[in-house]
Amino acid sequence: MEVRQTIEELRLSIEHLAAEDELLGIIVDRLTALRQVFPFQRSVFAPSDIEFLRSLTGISDYLRAFAELRDEAVDVGSVKEYEDIVTRLTHTKGALADFPI
């Protein structure tokens, strides 16, 4: 695996990919692969790379939350459920505002 190339692909995906499910899959897949090579190739990872990769955990958490809320919205059964989903979506939207999702 080419570490530099994988990190750059992640950066480009975050900047340009609007399909949240696809972006989440790419993040999970690439982070898993990078975590496996990290112990053997630490010197290839710059401190800024490590910081960026750590930030992806938070982004992937918000992407998962968004997907779950999107799925829940289909089965809203009360005004209270609707208000709860809107509140959580607003929070998630703010967290993902810098991304093309």
PDB file of N, CA and C in Angstrom:
ATOM      1  N   MET A   1       0.837  -1.179   0.000  1.00  0.00           N
ATOM      2  CA  MET A   1       0.000   0.000   0.000  1.00  0.00           C
ATOM      3  C   MET A   1       0.884   1.244   0.000  1.00  0.00           C
ATOM      4  N   GLU A   2       0.541   2.192  -0.810  1.00  0.00           N
ATOM      5  CA  GLU A   2       1.239   3.469  -0.871  1.00  0.00           C
ATOM      6  C   GLU A   2       0.540   4.433   0.093  1.00  0.00           C
ATOM      7  N   VAL A   3       1.166   4.692   1.214  1.00  0.00           N
ATOM      8  CA  VAL A   3       0.573   5.493   2.288  1.00  0.00           C
ATOM      9  C   VAL A   3       0.253   6.901   1.818  1.00  0.00           C
ATOM     10  N   ARG A   4       1.193   7.574   1.184  1.00  0.00           N
ATOM     11  CA  ARG A   4       0.979   8.959   0.737  1.00  0.00           C
ATOM     12  C   ARG A   4      -0.217   9.040  -0.210  1.00  0.00           C
ATOM     13  N   GLN A   5      -0.282   8.111  -1.148  1.00  0.00           N
ATOM     14  CA  GLN A   5      -1.364   8.114  -2.126  1.00  0.00           C
ATOM     15  C   GLN A   5      -2.714   7.886  -1.441  1.00  0.00           C
ATOM     16  N   THR A   6      -2.750   6.984  -0.498  1.00  0.00           N
ATOM     17  CA  THR A   6      -3.995   6.683   0.216  1.00  0.00           C
ATOM     18  C   THR A   6      -4.476   7.893   1.007  1.00  0.00           C
ATOM     19  N   ILE A   7      -3.557   8.586   1.661  1.00  0.00           N
ATOM     20  CA  ILE A   7      -3.930   9.775   2.426  1.00  0.00           C
ATOM     21  C   ILE A   7      -4.438  10.874   1.492  1.00  0.00           C
ATOM     22  N   GLU A   8      -3.793  11.052   0.358  1.00  0.00           N
ATOM     23  CA  GLU A   8      -4.249  12.057  -0.609  1.00  0.00           C
ATOM     24  C   GLU A   8      -5.616  11.700  -1.184  1.00  0.00           C
ATOM     25  N   GLU A   9      -5.851  10.414  -1.437  1.00  0.00           N
ATOM     26  CA  GLU A   9      -7.172   9.983  -1.916  1.00  0.00           C
ATOM     27  C   GLU A   9      -8.248  10.304  -0.878  1.00  0.00           C
ATOM     28  N   LEU A  10      -7.918  10.114   0.384  1.00  0.00           N
ATOM     29  CA  LEU A  10      -8.863  10.459   1.448  1.00  0.00           C
ATOM     30  C   LEU A  10      -9.145  11.955   1.451  1.00  0.00           C
ATOM     31  N   ARG A  11      -8.111  12.766   1.346  1.00  0.00           N
ATOM     32  CA  ARG A  11      -8.293  14.231   1.321  1.00  0.00           C
ATOM     33  C   ARG A  11      -9.191  14.644   0.149  1.00  0.00           C
ATOM     34  N   LEU A  12      -8.935  14.085  -1.020  1.00  0.00           N
ATOM     35  CA  LEU A  12      -9.738  14.418  -2.198  1.00  0.00           C
ATOM     36  C   LEU A  12     -11.181  13.949  -2.044  1.00  0.00           C
ATOM     37  N   SER A  13     -11.365  12.779  -1.481  1.00  0.00           N
ATOM     38  CA  SER A  13     -12.721  12.269  -1.272  1.00  0.00           C
ATOM     39  C   SER A  13     -13.497  13.186  -0.335  1.00  0.00           C
ATOM     40  N   ILE A  14     -12.862  13.618   0.739  1.00  0.00           N
ATOM     41  CA  ILE A  14     -13.515  14.509   1.703  1.00  0.00           C
ATOM     42  C   ILE A  14     -13.893  15.829   1.040  1.00  0.00           C
ATOM     43  N   GLU A  15     -13.031  16.330   0.175  1.00  0.00           N
ATOM     44  CA  GLU A  15     -13.261  17.619  -0.469  1.00  0.00           C
ATOM     45  C   GLU A  15     -14.295  17.568  -1.582  1.00  0.00           C
ATOM     46  N   HIS A  16     -14.428  16.421  -2.250  1.00  0.00           N
ATOM     47  CA  HIS A  16     -15.221  16.411  -3.484  1.00  0.00           C
ATOM     48  C   HIS A  16     -16.381  15.428  -3.531  1.00  0.00           C
ATOM     49  N   LEU A  17     -16.415  14.470  -2.650  1.00  0.00           N
ATOM     50  CA  LEU A  17     -17.437  13.433  -2.737  1.00  0.00           C
ATOM     51  C   LEU A  17     -18.680  13.840  -1.953  1.00  0.00           C
ATOM     52  N   ALA A  18     -19.829  13.835  -2.611  1.00  0.00           N
ATOM     53  CA  ALA A  18     -21.060  14.273  -1.973  1.00  0.00           C
ATOM     54  C   ALA A  18     -21.940  13.116  -1.495  1.00  0.00           C
ATOM     55  N   ALA A  19     -21.690  11.921  -1.955  1.00  0.00           N
ATOM     56  CA  ALA A  19     -22.502  10.765  -1.564  1.00  0.00           C
ATOM     57  C   ALA A  19     -22.023  10.262  -0.204  1.00  0.00           C
ATOM     58  N   GLU A  20     -22.815  10.533   0.825  1.00  0.00           N
ATOM     59  CA  GLU A  20     -22.375  10.241   2.191  1.00  0.00           C
ATOM     60  C   GLU A  20     -22.092   8.767   2.441  1.00  0.00           C
ATOM     61  N   ASP A  21     -22.881   7.880   1.889  1.00  0.00           N
ATOM     62  CA  ASP A  21     -22.639   6.450   2.092  1.00  0.00           C
ATOM     63  C   ASP A  21     -21.323   6.014   1.446  1.00  0.00           C
ATOM     64  N   GLU A  22     -21.073   6.526   0.253  1.00  0.00           N
ATOM     65  CA  GLU A  22     -19.835   6.189  -0.447  1.00  0.00           C
ATOM     66  C   GLU A  22     -18.620   6.771   0.299  1.00  0.00           C
ATOM     67  N   LEU A  23     -18.752   8.009   0.757  1.00  0.00           N
ATOM     68  CA  LEU A  23     -17.659   8.637   1.496  1.00  0.00           C
ATOM     69  C   LEU A  23     -17.364   7.885   2.789  1.00  0.00           C
ATOM     70  N   LEU A  24     -18.398   7.499   3.501  1.00  0.00           N
ATOM     71  CA  LEU A  24     -18.206   6.737   4.737  1.00  0.00           C
ATOM     72  C   LEU A  24     -17.481   5.423   4.443  1.00  0.00           C
ATOM     73  N   GLY A  25     -17.859   4.737   3.378  1.00  0.00           N
ATOM     74  CA  GLY A  25     -17.207   3.488   3.010  1.00  0.00           C
ATOM     75  C   GLY A  25     -15.730   3.685   2.698  1.00  0.00           C
ATOM     76  N   ILE A  26     -15.421   4.757   1.985  1.00  0.00           N
ATOM     77  CA  ILE A  26     -14.022   5.045   1.648  1.00  0.00           C
ATOM     78  C   ILE A  26     -13.224   5.345   2.909  1.00  0.00           C
ATOM     79  N   ILE A  27     -13.782   6.160   3.796  1.00  0.00           N
ATOM     80  CA  ILE A  27     -13.081   6.510   5.034  1.00  0.00           C
ATOM     81  C   ILE A  27     -12.801   5.253   5.860  1.00  0.00           C
ATOM     82  N   VAL A  28     -13.813   4.441   6.064  1.00  0.00           N
ATOM     83  CA  VAL A  28     -13.652   3.233   6.877  1.00  0.00           C
ATOM     84  C   VAL A  28     -12.630   2.296   6.248  1.00  0.00           C
ATOM     85  N   ASP A  29     -12.741   2.091   4.955  1.00  0.00           N
ATOM     86  CA  ASP A  29     -11.835   1.184   4.254  1.00  0.00           C
ATOM     87  C   ASP A  29     -10.384   1.659   4.325  1.00  0.00           C
ATOM     88  N   ARG A  30     -10.162   2.933   4.003  1.00  0.00           N
ATOM     89  CA  ARG A  30      -8.789   3.459   3.974  1.00  0.00           C
ATOM     90  C   ARG A  30      -8.190   3.567   5.378  1.00  0.00           C
ATOM     91  N   LEU A  31      -8.994   3.983   6.357  1.00  0.00           N
ATOM     92  CA  LEU A  31      -8.470   4.063   7.724  1.00  0.00           C
ATOM     93  C   LEU A  31      -8.064   2.685   8.239  1.00  0.00           C
ATOM     94  N   THR A  32      -8.861   1.686   7.933  1.00  0.00           N
ATOM     95  CA  THR A  32      -8.533   0.323   8.348  1.00  0.00           C
ATOM     96  C   THR A  32      -7.196  -0.108   7.750  1.00  0.00           C
ATOM     97  N   ALA A  33      -7.032   0.148   6.465  1.00  0.00           N
ATOM     98  CA  ALA A  33      -5.782  -0.226   5.787  1.00  0.00           C
ATOM     99  C   ALA A  33      -4.592   0.546   6.357  1.00  0.00           C
ATOM    100  N   LEU A  34      -4.774   1.843   6.587  1.00  0.00           N
ATOM    101  CA  LEU A  34      -3.674   2.653   7.115  1.00  0.00           C
ATOM    102  C   LEU A  34      -3.309   2.250   8.537  1.00  0.00           C
ATOM    103  N   ARG A  35      -4.295   1.889   9.330  1.00  0.00           N
ATOM    104  CA  ARG A  35      -4.012   1.434  10.699  1.00  0.00           C
ATOM    105  C   ARG A  35      -3.183   0.145  10.695  1.00  0.00           C
ATOM    106  N   GLN A  36      -3.395  -0.681   9.707  1.00  0.00           N
ATOM    107  CA  GLN A  36      -2.638  -1.932   9.625  1.00  0.00           C
ATOM    108  C   GLN A  36      -1.180  -1.694   9.258  1.00  0.00           C
ATOM    109  N   VAL A  37      -0.901  -0.696   8.438  1.00  0.00           N
ATOM    110  CA  VAL A  37       0.485  -0.455   8.027  1.00  0.00           C
ATOM    111  C   VAL A  37       1.220   0.510   8.956  1.00  0.00           C
ATOM    112  N   PHE A  38       0.492   1.274   9.747  1.00  0.00           N
ATOM    113  CA  PHE A  38       1.122   2.277  10.607  1.00  0.00           C
ATOM    114  C   PHE A  38       2.238   1.720  11.488  1.00  0.00           C
ATOM    115  N   PRO A  39       2.037   0.598  12.189  1.00  0.00           N
ATOM    116  CA  PRO A  39       3.114   0.106  13.053  1.00  0.00           C
ATOM    117  C   PRO A  39       4.423  -0.206  12.305  1.00  0.00           C
ATOM    118  N   PHE A  40       4.319  -0.494  11.030  1.00  0.00           N
ATOM    119  CA  PHE A  40       5.486  -0.886  10.255  1.00  0.00           C
ATOM    120  C   PHE A  40       6.093   0.262   9.441  1.00  0.00           C
ATOM    121  N   GLN A  41       5.296   1.329   9.245  1.00  0.00           N
ATOM    122  CA  GLN A  41       5.759   2.435   8.409  1.00  0.00           C
ATOM    123  C   GLN A  41       5.526   3.790   9.079  1.00  0.00           C
ATOM    124  N   ARG A  42       5.704   3.872  10.372  1.00  0.00           N
ATOM    125  CA  ARG A  42       5.451   5.115  11.113  1.00  0.00           C
ATOM    126  C   ARG A  42       6.144   6.320  10.509  1.00  0.00           C
ATOM    127  N   SER A  43       7.342   6.149  10.045  1.00  0.00           N
ATOM    128  CA  SER A  43       8.127   7.281   9.554  1.00  0.00           C
ATOM    129  C   SER A  43       7.515   7.930   8.308  1.00  0.00           C
ATOM    130  N   VAL A  44       6.648   7.215   7.619  1.00  0.00           N
ATOM    131  CA  VAL A  44       6.006   7.746   6.421  1.00  0.00           C
ATOM    132  C   VAL A  44       4.877   8.716   6.782  1.00  0.00           C
ATOM    133  N   PHE A  45       4.332   8.596   7.975  1.00  0.00           N
ATOM    134  CA  PHE A  45       3.210   9.417   8.417  1.00  0.00           C
ATOM    135  C   PHE A  45       3.727  10.706   9.062  1.00  0.00           C
ATOM    136  N   ALA A  46       3.449  11.834   8.451  1.00  0.00           N
ATOM    137  CA  ALA A  46       3.807  13.135   9.022  1.00  0.00           C
ATOM    138  C   ALA A  46       2.826  13.452  10.159  1.00  0.00           C
ATOM    139  N   PRO A  47       3.223  14.290  11.094  1.00  0.00           N
ATOM    140  CA  PRO A  47       2.295  14.676  12.170  1.00  0.00           C
ATOM    141  C   PRO A  47       0.979  15.256  11.638  1.00  0.00           C
ATOM    142  N   SER A  48       1.055  16.017  10.554  1.00  0.00           N
ATOM    143  CA  SER A  48      -0.179  16.573   9.970  1.00  0.00           C
ATOM    144  C   SER A  48      -1.062  15.468   9.390  1.00  0.00           C
ATOM    145  N   ASP A  49      -0.448  14.408   8.871  1.00  0.00           N
ATOM    146  CA  ASP A  49      -1.218  13.259   8.366  1.00  0.00           C
ATOM    147  C   ASP A  49      -1.961  12.588   9.512  1.00  0.00           C
ATOM    148  N   ILE A  50      -1.264  12.393  10.610  1.00  0.00           N
ATOM    149  CA  ILE A  50      -1.866  11.736  11.771  1.00  0.00           C
ATOM    150  C   ILE A  50      -3.027  12.564  12.304  1.00  0.00           C
ATOM    151  N   GLU A  51      -2.837  13.869  12.369  1.00  0.00           N
ATOM    152  CA  GLU A  51      -3.919  14.752  12.828  1.00  0.00           C
ATOM    153  C   GLU A  51      -5.123  14.662  11.890  1.00  0.00           C
ATOM    154  N   PHE A  52      -4.871  14.707  10.585  1.00  0.00           N
ATOM    155  CA  PHE A  52      -5.943  14.590   9.597  1.00  0.00           C
ATOM    156  C   PHE A  52      -6.677  13.262   9.741  1.00  0.00           C
ATOM    157  N   LEU A  53      -5.923  12.181   9.842  1.00  0.00           N
ATOM    158  CA  LEU A  53      -6.534  10.855   9.953  1.00  0.00           C
ATOM    159  C   LEU A  53      -7.357  10.725  11.232  1.00  0.00           C
ATOM    160  N   ARG A  54      -6.889  11.305  12.318  1.00  0.00           N
ATOM    161  CA  ARG A  54      -7.669  11.294  13.567  1.00  0.00           C
ATOM    162  C   ARG A  54      -8.983  12.054  13.398  1.00  0.00           C
ATOM    163  N   SER A  55      -8.955  13.138  12.638  1.00  0.00           N
ATOM    164  CA  SER A  55     -10.176  13.924  12.430  1.00  0.00           C
ATOM    165  C   SER A  55     -11.226  13.134  11.660  1.00  0.00           C
ATOM    166  N   LEU A  56     -10.786  12.157  10.875  1.00  0.00           N
ATOM    167  CA  LEU A  56     -11.728  11.366  10.084  1.00  0.00           C
ATOM    168  C   LEU A  56     -12.636  10.497  10.947  1.00  0.00           C
ATOM    169  N   THR A  57     -12.175  10.159  12.140  1.00  0.00           N
ATOM    170  CA  THR A  57     -13.018   9.378  13.045  1.00  0.00           C
ATOM    171  C   THR A  57     -14.269  10.174  13.389  1.00  0.00           C
ATOM    172  N   GLY A  58     -14.104  11.441  13.709  1.00  0.00           N
ATOM    173  CA  GLY A  58     -15.247  12.294  14.014  1.00  0.00           C
ATOM    174  C   GLY A  58     -16.159  12.478  12.814  1.00  0.00           C
ATOM    175  N   ILE A  59     -15.560  12.678  11.650  1.00  0.00           N
ATOM    176  CA  ILE A  59     -16.351  12.848  10.434  1.00  0.00           C
ATOM    177  C   ILE A  59     -17.153  11.588  10.145  1.00  0.00           C
ATOM    178  N   SER A  60     -16.517  10.435  10.282  1.00  0.00           N
ATOM    179  CA  SER A  60     -17.244   9.186  10.005  1.00  0.00           C
ATOM    180  C   SER A  60     -18.369   8.974  11.019  1.00  0.00           C
ATOM    181  N   ASP A  61     -18.165   9.396  12.258  1.00  0.00           N
ATOM    182  CA  ASP A  61     -19.242   9.296  13.257  1.00  0.00           C
ATOM    183  C   ASP A  61     -20.447  10.139  12.834  1.00  0.00           C
ATOM    184  N   TYR A  62     -20.184  11.351  12.357  1.00  0.00           N
ATOM    185  CA  TYR A  62     -21.280  12.212  11.904  1.00  0.00           C
ATOM    186  C   TYR A  62     -21.935  11.678  10.636  1.00  0.00           C
ATOM    187  N   LEU A  63     -21.152  11.088   9.754  1.00  0.00           N
ATOM    188  CA  LEU A  63     -21.742  10.488   8.551  1.00  0.00           C
ATOM    189  C   LEU A  63     -22.655   9.324   8.916  1.00  0.00           C
ATOM    190  N   ARG A  64     -22.226   8.503   9.865  1.00  0.00           N
ATOM    191  CA  ARG A  64     -23.073   7.399  10.333  1.00  0.00           C
ATOM    192  C   ARG A  64     -24.360   7.942  10.953  1.00  0.00           C
ATOM    193  N   ALA A  65     -24.225   8.973  11.778  1.00  0.00           N
ATOM    194  CA  ALA A  65     -25.392   9.576  12.427  1.00  0.00           C
ATOM    195  C   ALA A  65     -26.350  10.131  11.376  1.00  0.00           C
ATOM    196  N   PHE A  66     -25.813  10.776  10.354  1.00  0.00           N
ATOM    197  CA  PHE A  66     -26.652  11.319   9.292  1.00  0.00           C
ATOM    198  C   PHE A  66     -27.414  10.208   8.583  1.00  0.00           C
ATOM    199  N   ALA A  67     -26.725   9.132   8.255  1.00  0.00           N
ATOM    200  CA  ALA A  67     -27.378   8.008   7.559  1.00  0.00           C
ATOM    201  C   ALA A  67     -28.470   7.397   8.426  1.00  0.00           C
ATOM    202  N   GLU A  68     -28.206   7.251   9.716  1.00  0.00           N
ATOM    203  CA  GLU A  68     -29.213   6.709  10.623  1.00  0.00           C
ATOM    204  C   GLU A  68     -30.421   7.630  10.718  1.00  0.00           C
ATOM    205  N   LEU A  69     -30.183   8.935  10.821  1.00  0.00           N
ATOM    206  CA  LEU A  69     -31.283   9.896  10.898  1.00  0.00           C
ATOM    207  C   LEU A  69     -32.083   9.913   9.604  1.00  0.00           C
ATOM    208  N   ARG A  70     -31.400   9.823   8.487  1.00  0.00           N
ATOM    209  CA  ARG A  70     -32.079   9.776   7.188  1.00  0.00           C
ATOM    210  C   ARG A  70     -33.019   8.574   7.134  1.00  0.00           C
ATOM    211  N   ASP A  71     -32.549   7.435   7.631  1.00  0.00           N
ATOM    212  CA  ASP A  71     -33.376   6.231   7.631  1.00  0.00           C
ATOM    213  C   ASP A  71     -34.532   6.337   8.625  1.00  0.00           C
ATOM    214  N   GLU A  72     -34.267   6.939   9.784  1.00  0.00           N
ATOM    215  CA  GLU A  72     -35.318   7.116  10.796  1.00  0.00           C
ATOM    216  C   GLU A  72     -36.414   8.046  10.307  1.00  0.00           C
ATOM    217  N   ALA A  73     -36.055   9.051   9.514  1.00  0.00           N
ATOM    218  CA  ALA A  73     -37.024  10.051   9.064  1.00  0.00           C
ATOM    219  C   ALA A  73     -38.156   9.426   8.255  1.00  0.00           C
ATOM    220  N   VAL A  74     -37.902   8.309   7.653  1.00  0.00           N
ATOM    221  CA  VAL A  74     -38.927   7.630   6.852  1.00  0.00           C
ATOM    222  C   VAL A  74     -40.068   7.129   7.730  1.00  0.00           C
ATOM    223  N   ASP A  75     -39.762   6.745   8.962  1.00  0.00           N
ATOM    224  CA  ASP A  75     -40.753   6.128   9.844  1.00  0.00           C
ATOM    225  C   ASP A  75     -41.176   7.005  11.019  1.00  0.00           C
ATOM    226  N   VAL A  76     -41.181   8.316  10.844  1.00  0.00           N
ATOM    227  CA  VAL A  76     -41.579   9.211  11.932  1.00  0.00           C
ATOM    228  C   VAL A  76     -43.040   8.973  12.260  1.00  0.00           C
ATOM    229  N   GLY A  77     -43.294   8.734  13.555  1.00  0.00           N
ATOM    230  CA  GLY A  77     -44.654   8.418  13.967  1.00  0.00           C
ATOM    231  C   GLY A  77     -45.315   9.469  14.835  1.00  0.00           C
ATOM    232  N   SER A  78     -44.578  10.504  15.222  1.00  0.00           N
ATOM    233  CA  SER A  78     -45.176  11.537  16.067  1.00  0.00           C
ATOM    234  C   SER A  78     -44.424  12.849  15.890  1.00  0.00           C
ATOM    235  N   VAL A  79     -45.035  13.911  16.367  1.00  0.00           N
ATOM    236  CA  VAL A  79     -44.408  15.220  16.303  1.00  0.00           C
ATOM    237  C   VAL A  79     -43.125  15.228  17.141  1.00  0.00           C
ATOM    238  N   LYS A  80     -43.158  14.555  18.284  1.00  0.00           N
ATOM    239  CA  LYS A  80     -41.978  14.501  19.154  1.00  0.00           C
ATOM    240  C   LYS A  80     -40.810  13.817  18.427  1.00  0.00           C
ATOM    241  N   GLU A  81     -41.085  12.710  17.759  1.00  0.00           N
ATOM    242  CA  GLU A  81     -40.035  12.030  16.993  1.00  0.00           C
ATOM    243  C   GLU A  81     -39.499  12.935  15.886  1.00  0.00           C
ATOM    244  N   TYR A  82     -40.402  13.635  15.218  1.00  0.00           N
ATOM    245  CA  TYR A  82     -40.016  14.557  14.155  1.00  0.00           C
ATOM    246  C   TYR A  82     -39.099  15.651  14.705  1.00  0.00           C
ATOM    247  N   GLU A  83     -39.492  16.249  15.814  1.00  0.00           N
ATOM    248  CA  GLU A  83     -38.697  17.327  16.417  1.00  0.00           C
ATOM    249  C   GLU A  83     -37.329  16.814  16.852  1.00  0.00           C
ATOM    250  N   ASP A  84     -37.286  15.601  17.391  1.00  0.00           N
ATOM    251  CA  ASP A  84     -36.018  15.010  17.804  1.00  0.00           C
ATOM    252  C   ASP A  84     -35.097  14.810  16.599  1.00  0.00           C
ATOM    253  N   ILE A  85     -35.635  14.302  15.514  1.00  0.00           N
ATOM    254  CA  ILE A  85     -34.837  14.080  14.308  1.00  0.00           C
ATOM    255  C   ILE A  85     -34.347  15.405  13.735  1.00  0.00           C
ATOM    256  N   VAL A  86     -35.214  16.413  13.713  1.00  0.00           N
ATOM    257  CA  VAL A  86     -34.814  17.721  13.198  1.00  0.00           C
ATOM    258  C   VAL A  86     -33.682  18.306  14.040  1.00  0.00           C
ATOM    259  N   THR A  87     -33.778  18.184  15.349  1.00  0.00           N
ATOM    260  CA  THR A  87     -32.721  18.683  16.239  1.00  0.00           C
ATOM    261  C   THR A  87     -31.404  17.969  15.971  1.00  0.00           C
ATOM    262  N   ARG A  88     -31.458  16.656  15.872  1.00  0.00           N
ATOM    263  CA  ARG A  88     -30.227  15.888  15.623  1.00  0.00           C
ATOM    264  C   ARG A  88     -29.670  16.151  14.230  1.00  0.00           C
ATOM    265  N   LEU A  89     -30.551  16.313  13.236  1.00  0.00           N
ATOM    266  CA  LEU A  89     -30.084  16.631  11.886  1.00  0.00           C
ATOM    267  C   LEU A  89     -29.411  18.002  11.846  1.00  0.00           C
ATOM    268  N   THR A  90     -29.971  18.951  12.564  1.00  0.00           N
ATOM    269  CA  THR A  90     -29.381  20.287  12.615  1.00  0.00           C
ATOM    270  C   THR A  90     -27.975  20.231  13.201  1.00  0.00           C
ATOM    271  N   HIS A  91     -27.809  19.465  14.264  1.00  0.00           N
ATOM    272  CA  HIS A  91     -26.491  19.303  14.883  1.00  0.00           C
ATOM    273  C   HIS A  91     -25.521  18.628  13.914  1.00  0.00           C
ATOM    274  N   THR A  92     -25.978  17.582  13.272  1.00  0.00           N
ATOM    275  CA  THR A  92     -25.139  16.845  12.319  1.00  0.00           C
ATOM    276  C   THR A  92     -24.795  17.714  11.116  1.00  0.00           C
ATOM    277  N   LYS A  93     -25.770  18.484  10.643  1.00  0.00           N
ATOM    278  CA  LYS A  93     -25.530  19.375   9.506  1.00  0.00           C
ATOM    279  C   LYS A  93     -24.433  20.380   9.846  1.00  0.00           C
ATOM    280  N   GLY A  94     -24.471  20.920  11.037  1.00  0.00           N
ATOM    281  CA  GLY A  94     -23.439  21.878  11.445  1.00  0.00           C
ATOM    282  C   GLY A  94     -22.066  21.231  11.474  1.00  0.00           C
ATOM    283  N   ALA A  95     -21.986  20.009  11.927  1.00  0.00           N
ATOM    284  CA  ALA A  95     -20.704  19.312  12.026  1.00  0.00           C
ATOM    285  C   ALA A  95     -20.137  18.978  10.645  1.00  0.00           C
ATOM    286  N   LEU A  96     -21.008  18.797   9.673  1.00  0.00           N
ATOM    287  CA  LEU A  96     -20.570  18.427   8.326  1.00  0.00           C
ATOM    288  C   LEU A  96     -20.609  19.599   7.350  1.00  0.00           C
ATOM    289  N   ALA A  97     -20.812  20.812   7.840  1.00  0.00           N
ATOM    290  CA  ALA A  97     -21.000  21.975   6.990  1.00  0.00           C
ATOM    291  C   ALA A  97     -19.836  22.254   6.050  1.00  0.00           C
ATOM    292  N   ASP A  98     -18.624  21.905   6.434  1.00  0.00           N
ATOM    293  CA  ASP A  98     -17.452  22.194   5.611  1.00  0.00           C
ATOM    294  C   ASP A  98     -17.226  21.188   4.491  1.00  0.00           C
ATOM    295  N   PHE A  99     -18.083  20.190   4.394  1.00  0.00           N
ATOM    296  CA  PHE A  99     -17.894  19.125   3.416  1.00  0.00           C
ATOM    297  C   PHE A  99     -19.003  19.157   2.374  1.00  0.00           C
ATOM    298  N   PRO A 100     -18.771  18.636   1.167  1.00  0.00           N
ATOM    299  CA  PRO A 100     -19.757  18.739   0.090  1.00  0.00           C
ATOM    300  C   PRO A 100     -20.953  17.794   0.214  1.00  0.00           C
ATOM    301  N   ILE A 101     -21.164  17.226   1.376  1.00  0.00           N
ATOM    302  CA  ILE A 101     -22.238  16.259   1.567  1.00  0.00           C
ATOM    303  C   ILE A 101     -23.574  16.972   1.629  1.00  0.00           C
TER     304      ILE A 101
END
